[in-house]
Amino acid sequence: MSGREISKLGVAWQAAAYASEEGMLTEAMIDARVSDSIRQHQQKMQWLKNEKPEGGMKGLNPLQ
């Protein structure tokens, strides 16, 4: 996962804790958000793989 994805995961944990009745983050909440993040990351990687130009990943990254 990228740094941005990990940062978004931390924000999701914080939001889950604030939204809970007790105002506390539980292990179940953490696990649920991690599972969501992993699923989203896998979907993103699949999309990137499907969009891959014939010459490789060149052209998708402006730094290359």
PDB file of N, CA and C in Angstrom:
ATOM      1  N   MET A   1       0.847  -1.180   0.000  1.00  0.00           N
ATOM      2  CA  MET A   1       0.000   0.000   0.000  1.00  0.00           C
ATOM      3  C   MET A   1       0.885   1.233   0.000  1.00  0.00           C
ATOM      4  N   SER A   2       0.384   2.276  -0.610  1.00  0.00           N
ATOM      5  CA  SER A   2       1.132   3.525  -0.663  1.00  0.00           C
ATOM      6  C   SER A   2       0.996   4.277   0.662  1.00  0.00           C
ATOM      7  N   GLY A   3       1.832   5.263   0.849  1.00  0.00           N
ATOM      8  CA  GLY A   3       1.746   6.100   2.041  1.00  0.00           C
ATOM      9  C   GLY A   3       0.407   6.799   2.137  1.00  0.00           C
ATOM     10  N   ARG A   4      -0.111   7.219   0.999  1.00  0.00           N
ATOM     11  CA  ARG A   4      -1.415   7.892   0.981  1.00  0.00           C
ATOM     12  C   ARG A   4      -2.527   6.941   1.420  1.00  0.00           C
ATOM     13  N   GLU A   5      -2.468   5.704   0.945  1.00  0.00           N
ATOM     14  CA  GLU A   5      -3.472   4.711   1.330  1.00  0.00           C
ATOM     15  C   GLU A   5      -3.401   4.413   2.830  1.00  0.00           C
ATOM     16  N   ILE A   6      -2.198   4.327   3.371  1.00  0.00           N
ATOM     17  CA  ILE A   6      -2.033   4.087   4.802  1.00  0.00           C
ATOM     18  C   ILE A   6      -2.550   5.278   5.606  1.00  0.00           C
ATOM     19  N   SER A   7      -2.286   6.478   5.123  1.00  0.00           N
ATOM     20  CA  SER A   7      -2.787   7.677   5.792  1.00  0.00           C
ATOM     21  C   SER A   7      -4.312   7.704   5.805  1.00  0.00           C
ATOM     22  N   LYS A   8      -4.916   7.343   4.686  1.00  0.00           N
ATOM     23  CA  LYS A   8      -6.378   7.289   4.611  1.00  0.00           C
ATOM     24  C   LYS A   8      -6.941   6.236   5.558  1.00  0.00           C
ATOM     25  N   LEU A   9      -6.202   5.147   5.755  1.00  0.00           N
ATOM     26  CA  LEU A   9      -6.614   4.108   6.695  1.00  0.00           C
ATOM     27  C   LEU A   9      -6.639   4.670   8.114  1.00  0.00           C
ATOM     28  N   GLY A  10      -5.628   5.437   8.473  1.00  0.00           N
ATOM     29  CA  GLY A  10      -5.594   6.068   9.793  1.00  0.00           C
ATOM     30  C   GLY A  10      -6.763   7.013  10.005  1.00  0.00           C
ATOM     31  N   VAL A  11      -7.100   7.771   8.985  1.00  0.00           N
ATOM     32  CA  VAL A  11      -8.245   8.683   9.067  1.00  0.00           C
ATOM     33  C   VAL A  11      -9.543   7.884   9.212  1.00  0.00           C
ATOM     34  N   ALA A  12      -9.649   6.766   8.514  1.00  0.00           N
ATOM     35  CA  ALA A  12     -10.841   5.916   8.620  1.00  0.00           C
ATOM     36  C   ALA A  12     -10.975   5.352  10.030  1.00  0.00           C
ATOM     37  N   TRP A  13      -9.848   4.979  10.649  1.00  0.00           N
ATOM     38  CA  TRP A  13      -9.891   4.501  12.035  1.00  0.00           C
ATOM     39  C   TRP A  13     -10.395   5.597  12.968  1.00  0.00           C
ATOM     40  N   GLN A  14      -9.872   6.801  12.763  1.00  0.00           N
ATOM     41  CA  GLN A  14     -10.284   7.929  13.601  1.00  0.00           C
ATOM     42  C   GLN A  14     -11.781   8.203  13.445  1.00  0.00           C
ATOM     43  N   ALA A  15     -12.266   8.201  12.225  1.00  0.00           N
ATOM     44  CA  ALA A  15     -13.686   8.452  11.972  1.00  0.00           C
ATOM     45  C   ALA A  15     -14.550   7.359  12.595  1.00  0.00           C
ATOM     46  N   ALA A  16     -14.098   6.116  12.520  1.00  0.00           N
ATOM     47  CA  ALA A  16     -14.850   5.007  13.109  1.00  0.00           C
ATOM     48  C   ALA A  16     -14.940   5.163  14.625  1.00  0.00           C
ATOM     49  N   ALA A  17     -13.856   5.586  15.231  1.00  0.00           N
ATOM     50  CA  ALA A  17     -13.864   5.775  16.685  1.00  0.00           C
ATOM     51  C   ALA A  17     -14.809   6.908  17.071  1.00  0.00           C
ATOM     52  N   TYR A  18     -14.753   8.020  16.371  1.00  0.00           N
ATOM     53  CA  TYR A  18     -15.635   9.147  16.677  1.00  0.00           C
ATOM     54  C   TYR A  18     -17.103   8.791  16.465  1.00  0.00           C
ATOM     55  N   ALA A  19     -17.371   7.931  15.488  1.00  0.00           N
ATOM     56  CA  ALA A  19     -18.754   7.574  15.166  1.00  0.00           C
ATOM     57  C   ALA A  19     -19.320   6.493  16.086  1.00  0.00           C
ATOM     58  N   SER A  20     -18.449   5.833  16.844  1.00  0.00           N
ATOM     59  CA  SER A  20     -18.933   4.761  17.706  1.00  0.00           C
ATOM     60  C   SER A  20     -19.643   5.318  18.933  1.00  0.00           C
ATOM     61  N   GLU A  21     -20.508   4.510  19.518  1.00  0.00           N
ATOM     62  CA  GLU A  21     -21.261   4.943  20.694  1.00  0.00           C
ATOM     63  C   GLU A  21     -20.348   5.254  21.868  1.00  0.00           C
ATOM     64  N   GLU A  22     -19.313   4.440  22.075  1.00  0.00           N
ATOM     65  CA  GLU A  22     -18.398   4.633  23.202  1.00  0.00           C
ATOM     66  C   GLU A  22     -17.277   5.626  22.902  1.00  0.00           C
ATOM     67  N   GLY A  23     -17.113   5.968  21.630  1.00  0.00           N
ATOM     68  CA  GLY A  23     -16.028   6.867  21.239  1.00  0.00           C
ATOM     69  C   GLY A  23     -14.669   6.201  21.296  1.00  0.00           C
ATOM     70  N   MET A  24     -14.672   4.873  21.201  1.00  0.00           N
ATOM     71  CA  MET A  24     -13.419   4.118  21.254  1.00  0.00           C
ATOM     72  C   MET A  24     -13.271   3.251  20.009  1.00  0.00           C
ATOM     73  N   LEU A  25     -12.044   3.090  19.603  1.00  0.00           N
ATOM     74  CA  LEU A  25     -11.725   2.238  18.458  1.00  0.00           C
ATOM     75  C   LEU A  25     -11.537   0.808  18.956  1.00  0.00           C
ATOM     76  N   THR A  26     -12.275  -0.115  18.391  1.00  0.00           N
ATOM     77  CA  THR A  26     -12.170  -1.518  18.790  1.00  0.00           C
ATOM     78  C   THR A  26     -11.369  -2.310  17.763  1.00  0.00           C
ATOM     79  N   GLU A  27     -10.950  -3.484  18.167  1.00  0.00           N
ATOM     80  CA  GLU A  27     -10.205  -4.351  17.258  1.00  0.00           C
ATOM     81  C   GLU A  27     -11.054  -4.722  16.042  1.00  0.00           C
ATOM     82  N   ALA A  28     -12.350  -4.924  16.263  1.00  0.00           N
ATOM     83  CA  ALA A  28     -13.253  -5.258  15.148  1.00  0.00           C
ATOM     84  C   ALA A  28     -13.317  -4.107  14.142  1.00  0.00           C
ATOM     85  N   MET A  29     -13.351  -2.871  14.630  1.00  0.00           N
ATOM     86  CA  MET A  29     -13.370  -1.704  13.736  1.00  0.00           C
ATOM     87  C   MET A  29     -12.076  -1.634  12.931  1.00  0.00           C
ATOM     88  N   ILE A  30     -10.960  -1.865  13.605  1.00  0.00           N
ATOM     89  CA  ILE A  30      -9.663  -1.840  12.930  1.00  0.00           C
ATOM     90  C   ILE A  30      -9.637  -2.892  11.826  1.00  0.00           C
ATOM     91  N   ASP A  31     -10.041  -4.116  12.182  1.00  0.00           N
ATOM     92  CA  ASP A  31     -10.033  -5.207  11.203  1.00  0.00           C
ATOM     93  C   ASP A  31     -10.935  -4.910  10.014  1.00  0.00           C
ATOM     94  N   ALA A  32     -12.105  -4.334  10.274  1.00  0.00           N
ATOM     95  CA  ALA A  32     -13.037  -4.017   9.185  1.00  0.00           C
ATOM     96  C   ALA A  32     -12.439  -2.985   8.239  1.00  0.00           C
ATOM     97  N   ARG A  33     -11.818  -1.938   8.787  1.00  0.00           N
ATOM     98  CA  ARG A  33     -11.234  -0.893   7.939  1.00  0.00           C
ATOM     99  C   ARG A  33     -10.029  -1.411   7.167  1.00  0.00           C
ATOM    100  N   VAL A  34      -9.225  -2.266   7.809  1.00  0.00           N
ATOM    101  CA  VAL A  34      -8.066  -2.852   7.112  1.00  0.00           C
ATOM    102  C   VAL A  34      -8.548  -3.727   5.963  1.00  0.00           C
ATOM    103  N   SER A  35      -9.571  -4.526   6.198  1.00  0.00           N
ATOM    104  CA  SER A  35     -10.120  -5.374   5.130  1.00  0.00           C
ATOM    105  C   SER A  35     -10.627  -4.534   3.966  1.00  0.00           C
ATOM    106  N   ASP A  36     -11.321  -3.443   4.273  1.00  0.00           N
ATOM    107  CA  ASP A  36     -11.802  -2.536   3.219  1.00  0.00           C
ATOM    108  C   ASP A  36     -10.630  -1.954   2.430  1.00  0.00           C
ATOM    109  N   SER A  37      -9.595  -1.522   3.155  1.00  0.00           N
ATOM    110  CA  SER A  37      -8.441  -0.910   2.498  1.00  0.00           C
ATOM    111  C   SER A  37      -7.710  -1.898   1.611  1.00  0.00           C
ATOM    112  N   ILE A  38      -7.570  -3.118   2.081  1.00  0.00           N
ATOM    113  CA  ILE A  38      -6.905  -4.157   1.274  1.00  0.00           C
ATOM    114  C   ILE A  38      -7.709  -4.435   0.013  1.00  0.00           C
ATOM    115  N   ARG A  39      -9.027  -4.547   0.155  1.00  0.00           N
ATOM    116  CA  ARG A  39      -9.895  -4.796  -1.003  1.00  0.00           C
ATOM    117  C   ARG A  39      -9.785  -3.655  -2.012  1.00  0.00           C
ATOM    118  N   GLN A  40      -9.791  -2.413  -1.523  1.00  0.00           N
ATOM    119  CA  GLN A  40      -9.678  -1.258  -2.408  1.00  0.00           C
ATOM    120  C   GLN A  40      -8.319  -1.232  -3.106  1.00  0.00           C
ATOM    121  N   HIS A  41      -7.260  -1.567  -2.366  1.00  0.00           N
ATOM    122  CA  HIS A  41      -5.919  -1.583  -2.954  1.00  0.00           C
ATOM    123  C   HIS A  41      -5.828  -2.648  -4.050  1.00  0.00           C
ATOM    124  N   GLN A  42      -6.382  -3.824  -3.788  1.00  0.00           N
ATOM    125  CA  GLN A  42      -6.368  -4.884  -4.790  1.00  0.00           C
ATOM    126  C   GLN A  42      -7.143  -4.474  -6.039  1.00  0.00           C
ATOM    127  N   GLN A  43      -8.272  -3.790  -5.859  1.00  0.00           N
ATOM    128  CA  GLN A  43      -9.046  -3.313  -7.004  1.00  0.00           C
ATOM    129  C   GLN A  43      -8.250  -2.291  -7.802  1.00  0.00           C
ATOM    130  N   LYS A  44      -7.572  -1.390  -7.101  1.00  0.00           N
ATOM    131  CA  LYS A  44      -6.748  -0.374  -7.765  1.00  0.00           C
ATOM    132  C   LYS A  44      -5.633  -1.033  -8.583  1.00  0.00           C
ATOM    133  N   MET A  45      -4.980  -2.031  -8.003  1.00  0.00           N
ATOM    134  CA  MET A  45      -3.906  -2.718  -8.721  1.00  0.00           C
ATOM    135  C   MET A  45      -4.446  -3.453  -9.950  1.00  0.00           C
ATOM    136  N   GLN A  46      -5.642  -4.020  -9.835  1.00  0.00           N
ATOM    137  CA  GLN A  46      -6.255  -4.699 -10.979  1.00  0.00           C
ATOM    138  C   GLN A  46      -6.568  -3.703 -12.094  1.00  0.00           C
ATOM    139  N   TRP A  47      -7.092  -2.531 -11.714  1.00  0.00           N
ATOM    140  CA  TRP A  47      -7.391  -1.500 -12.715  1.00  0.00           C
ATOM    141  C   TRP A  47      -6.110  -1.053 -13.418  1.00  0.00           C
ATOM    142  N   LEU A  48      -5.059  -0.836 -12.640  1.00  0.00           N
ATOM    143  CA  LEU A  48      -3.795  -0.409 -13.241  1.00  0.00           C
ATOM    144  C   LEU A  48      -3.246  -1.486 -14.173  1.00  0.00           C
ATOM    145  N   LYS A  49      -3.389  -2.733 -13.779  1.00  0.00           N
ATOM    146  CA  LYS A  49      -2.921  -3.831 -14.624  1.00  0.00           C
ATOM    147  C   LYS A  49      -3.695  -3.865 -15.939  1.00  0.00           C
ATOM    148  N   ASN A  50      -4.996  -3.643 -15.872  1.00  0.00           N
ATOM    149  CA  ASN A  50      -5.833  -3.667 -17.068  1.00  0.00           C
ATOM    150  C   ASN A  50      -5.585  -2.471 -17.981  1.00  0.00           C
ATOM    151  N   GLU A  51      -5.129  -1.353 -17.428  1.00  0.00           N
ATOM    152  CA  GLU A  51      -4.864  -0.152 -18.217  1.00  0.00           C
ATOM    153  C   GLU A  51      -3.440  -0.099 -18.740  1.00  0.00           C
ATOM    154  N   LYS A  52      -2.643  -1.074 -18.387  1.00  0.00           N
ATOM    155  CA  LYS A  52      -1.225  -1.091 -18.739  1.00  0.00           C
ATOM    156  C   LYS A  52      -1.046  -1.023 -20.257  1.00  0.00           C
ATOM    157  N   PRO A  53      -0.344  -0.002 -20.764  1.00  0.00           N
ATOM    158  CA  PRO A  53      -0.091   0.079 -22.205  1.00  0.00           C
ATOM    159  C   PRO A  53       0.872  -1.029 -22.651  1.00  0.00           C
ATOM    160  N   GLU A  54       0.915  -1.289 -23.933  1.00  0.00           N
ATOM    161  CA  GLU A  54       1.739  -2.375 -24.456  1.00  0.00           C
ATOM    162  C   GLU A  54       3.212  -2.218 -24.117  1.00  0.00           C
ATOM    163  N   GLY A  55       3.684  -1.010 -23.968  1.00  0.00           N
ATOM    164  CA  GLY A  55       5.096  -0.767 -23.665  1.00  0.00           C
ATOM    165  C   GLY A  55       5.412  -0.861 -22.191  1.00  0.00           C
ATOM    166  N   GLY A  56       4.530  -1.372 -21.377  1.00  0.00           N
ATOM    167  CA  GLY A  56       4.754  -1.456 -19.935  1.00  0.00           C
ATOM    168  C   GLY A  56       4.027  -0.335 -19.224  1.00  0.00           C
ATOM    169  N   MET A  57       4.482   0.000 -18.044  1.00  0.00           N
ATOM    170  CA  MET A  57       3.842   1.038 -17.238  1.00  0.00           C
ATOM    171  C   MET A  57       4.278   2.438 -17.672  1.00  0.00           C
ATOM    172  N   LYS A  58       5.218   2.530 -18.563  1.00  0.00           N
ATOM    173  CA  LYS A  58       5.693   3.829 -19.023  1.00  0.00           C
ATOM    174  C   LYS A  58       4.537   4.630 -19.593  1.00  0.00           C
ATOM    175  N   GLY A  59       4.446   5.864 -19.210  1.00  0.00           N
ATOM    176  CA  GLY A  59       3.362   6.705 -19.669  1.00  0.00           C
ATOM    177  C   GLY A  59       2.314   6.934 -18.576  1.00  0.00           C
ATOM    178  N   LEU A  60       2.166   6.003 -17.654  1.00  0.00           N
ATOM    179  CA  LEU A  60       1.236   6.188 -16.543  1.00  0.00           C
ATOM    180  C   LEU A  60       1.856   6.993 -15.430  1.00  0.00           C
ATOM    181  N   ASN A  61       3.188   6.925 -15.303  1.00  0.00           N
ATOM    182  CA  ASN A  61       3.897   7.649 -14.251  1.00  0.00           C
ATOM    183  C   ASN A  61       4.600   8.837 -14.886  1.00  0.00           C
ATOM    184  N   PRO A  62       4.219  10.060 -14.530  1.00  0.00           N
ATOM    185  CA  PRO A  62       4.840  11.237 -15.154  1.00  0.00           C
ATOM    186  C   PRO A  62       6.296  11.409 -14.775  1.00  0.00           C
ATOM    187  N   LEU A  63       6.791  10.677 -13.764  1.00  0.00           N
ATOM    188  CA  LEU A  63       8.181  10.791 -13.360  1.00  0.00           C
ATOM    189  C   LEU A  63       9.102   9.899 -14.171  1.00  0.00           C
ATOM    190  N   GLN A  64       8.548   9.029 -15.010  1.00  0.00           N
ATOM    191  CA  GLN A  64       9.384   8.130 -15.816  1.00  0.00           C
ATOM    192  C   GLN A  64       9.768   8.794 -17.108  1.00  0.00           C
TER     193      GLN A  64
END
